[in-house]
Amino acid sequence: MICMSDEVDFLSLIYDRFNARDLETVLAAMHEDVIWANGMEGGHVYGRDQVRSYWTRQWTTIDPHVEPVAFSRGPRGEVVVDVHQVVRDLNGNLLVDKIVVHMFRIENGLITRFDIRGA
């Protein structure tokens, strides 16, 4: 298992690359069979191709920005990230501005599962 500071650095880079819409870099950080929470429609998507499709679809309707503000370890070893989430429509109008909790399972340097607490 990698140490928490490595996970913080890793996930901070992932959030930065997501906000820059650097899709391929973020997908490369995921296990091929990743399980990823679908924050827009509910449930999960499975595998890198479904995550790519989900984000591509999402970005045609909204402009999300997520900024990590705190990292901790969950009870099952997952990394818990408090995130300031700002979502705008494509005209720049504010839709959401709140703190949400993201949970990551990381194995062998790759994200294997992502969940949103309460979703």
Protein backbone atom coordinates (compact mmCIF):
# COMPACT_ATOMS: atom_id res chain seq x y z
CA MET A 1 0.00 0.00 0.00
CA ILE A 2 1.30 3.44 -0.83
CA CYS A 3 1.44 6.03 1.92
CA MET A 4 -1.25 8.66 2.35
CA SER A 5 0.94 11.54 1.11
CA ASP A 6 1.50 9.66 -2.16
CA GLU A 7 -2.27 9.15 -2.50
CA VAL A 8 -2.90 12.84 -1.78
CA ASP A 9 -0.38 13.85 -4.47
CA PHE A 10 -1.83 11.31 -6.91
CA LEU A 11 -5.45 12.38 -6.39
CA SER A 12 -4.58 16.09 -6.38
CA LEU A 13 -3.09 15.59 -9.84
CA ILE A 14 -6.19 13.67 -10.94
CA TYR A 15 -8.50 16.50 -9.82
CA ASP A 16 -6.26 19.04 -11.58
CA ARG A 17 -6.30 17.04 -14.82
CA PHE A 18 -10.09 16.50 -14.59
CA ASN A 19 -10.63 20.25 -14.23
CA ALA A 20 -8.37 20.79 -17.27
CA ARG A 21 -10.49 18.20 -19.18
CA ASP A 22 -7.35 16.10 -19.73
CA LEU A 23 -9.47 12.98 -20.13
CA GLU A 24 -6.76 10.55 -21.25
CA THR A 25 -4.44 11.32 -18.31
CA VAL A 26 -7.25 10.79 -15.82
CA LEU A 27 -8.42 7.58 -17.50
CA ALA A 28 -4.86 6.23 -17.48
CA ALA A 29 -4.90 6.54 -13.67
CA MET A 30 -7.85 4.13 -13.48
CA HIS A 31 -7.89 0.36 -13.51
CA GLU A 32 -9.25 -0.96 -16.80
CA ASP A 33 -12.29 -2.35 -14.93
CA VAL A 34 -12.83 0.68 -12.66
CA ILE A 35 -16.20 1.11 -10.94
CA TRP A 36 -17.11 4.81 -11.11
CA ALA A 37 -20.03 6.66 -9.50
CA ASN A 38 -22.35 8.36 -11.99
CA GLY A 39 -23.06 11.60 -10.15
CA MET A 40 -25.45 12.89 -12.81
CA GLU A 41 -27.79 9.97 -13.36
CA GLY A 42 -27.12 7.76 -10.35
CA GLY A 43 -25.61 4.31 -10.10
CA HIS A 44 -22.18 3.48 -11.48
CA VAL A 45 -20.42 3.13 -14.80
CA TYR A 46 -17.98 0.28 -15.37
CA GLY A 47 -14.61 0.42 -17.08
CA ARG A 48 -12.60 3.21 -18.66
CA ASP A 49 -14.71 3.32 -21.83
CA GLN A 50 -17.92 3.89 -19.87
CA VAL A 51 -16.22 6.60 -17.75
CA ARG A 52 -15.03 8.28 -20.97
CA SER A 53 -18.56 8.15 -22.39
CA TYR A 54 -20.11 9.42 -19.14
CA TRP A 55 -17.76 12.41 -18.88
CA THR A 56 -18.02 13.24 -22.58
CA ARG A 57 -21.81 13.29 -22.24
CA GLN A 58 -21.65 15.26 -18.98
CA TRP A 59 -19.43 17.97 -20.44
CA THR A 60 -21.92 18.63 -23.26
CA THR A 61 -24.49 19.81 -20.69
CA ILE A 62 -22.60 21.13 -17.63
CA ASP A 63 -19.20 22.51 -16.62
CA PRO A 64 -18.15 20.90 -13.32
CA HIS A 65 -15.10 22.00 -11.31
CA VAL A 66 -13.96 20.00 -8.28
CA GLU A 67 -11.29 21.17 -5.85
CA PRO A 68 -10.09 18.88 -3.04
CA VAL A 69 -10.04 20.60 0.36
CA ALA A 70 -9.27 17.72 2.78
CA PHE A 71 -8.05 14.13 2.59
CA SER A 72 -8.48 11.34 5.15
CA ARG A 73 -8.48 7.56 5.39
CA GLY A 74 -11.81 5.73 5.54
CA PRO A 75 -12.57 2.69 7.71
CA ARG A 76 -11.91 0.22 4.89
CA GLY A 77 -8.70 1.83 3.70
CA GLU A 78 -10.32 4.04 1.09
CA VAL A 79 -9.16 7.62 0.60
CA VAL A 80 -11.90 10.08 1.54
CA VAL A 81 -11.75 13.51 -0.10
CA ASP A 82 -13.84 16.51 0.88
CA VAL A 83 -14.33 18.38 -2.39
CA HIS A 84 -15.59 21.87 -3.16
CA GLN A 85 -17.82 21.25 -6.18
CA VAL A 86 -18.91 24.09 -8.42
CA VAL A 87 -21.13 23.22 -11.37
CA ARG A 88 -22.14 25.73 -14.00
CA ASP A 89 -24.28 25.40 -17.10
CA LEU A 90 -22.57 25.99 -20.43
CA ASN A 91 -23.50 29.69 -20.27
CA GLY A 92 -21.61 30.08 -16.98
CA ASN A 93 -24.68 30.22 -14.72
CA LEU A 94 -24.10 28.69 -11.29
CA LEU A 95 -26.05 25.46 -10.69
CA VAL A 96 -24.27 23.93 -7.66
CA ASP A 97 -21.75 25.24 -5.11
CA LYS A 98 -21.25 22.82 -2.22
CA ILE A 99 -18.92 20.45 -0.42
CA VAL A 100 -19.28 16.80 -1.42
CA VAL A 101 -17.41 13.71 -0.23
CA HIS A 102 -15.61 11.49 -2.72
CA MET A 103 -14.23 8.06 -1.80
CA PHE A 104 -11.49 6.30 -3.75
CA ARG A 105 -10.20 2.76 -3.62
CA ILE A 106 -6.65 2.66 -5.00
CA GLU A 107 -4.81 -0.59 -5.71
CA ASN A 108 -1.38 -0.96 -7.28
CA GLY A 109 -1.29 2.73 -8.14
CA LEU A 110 -4.62 2.74 -10.01
CA ILE A 111 -8.12 3.87 -9.02
CA THR A 112 -10.31 0.77 -8.83
CA ARG A 113 -13.45 2.34 -7.39
CA PHE A 114 -14.91 5.81 -6.93
CA ASP A 115 -18.02 6.62 -4.90
CA ILE A 116 -19.81 9.78 -3.83
CA ARG A 117 -21.01 9.70 -0.22
CA GLY A 118 -24.76 10.03 -0.07
CA ALA A 119 -25.21 9.44 -3.81
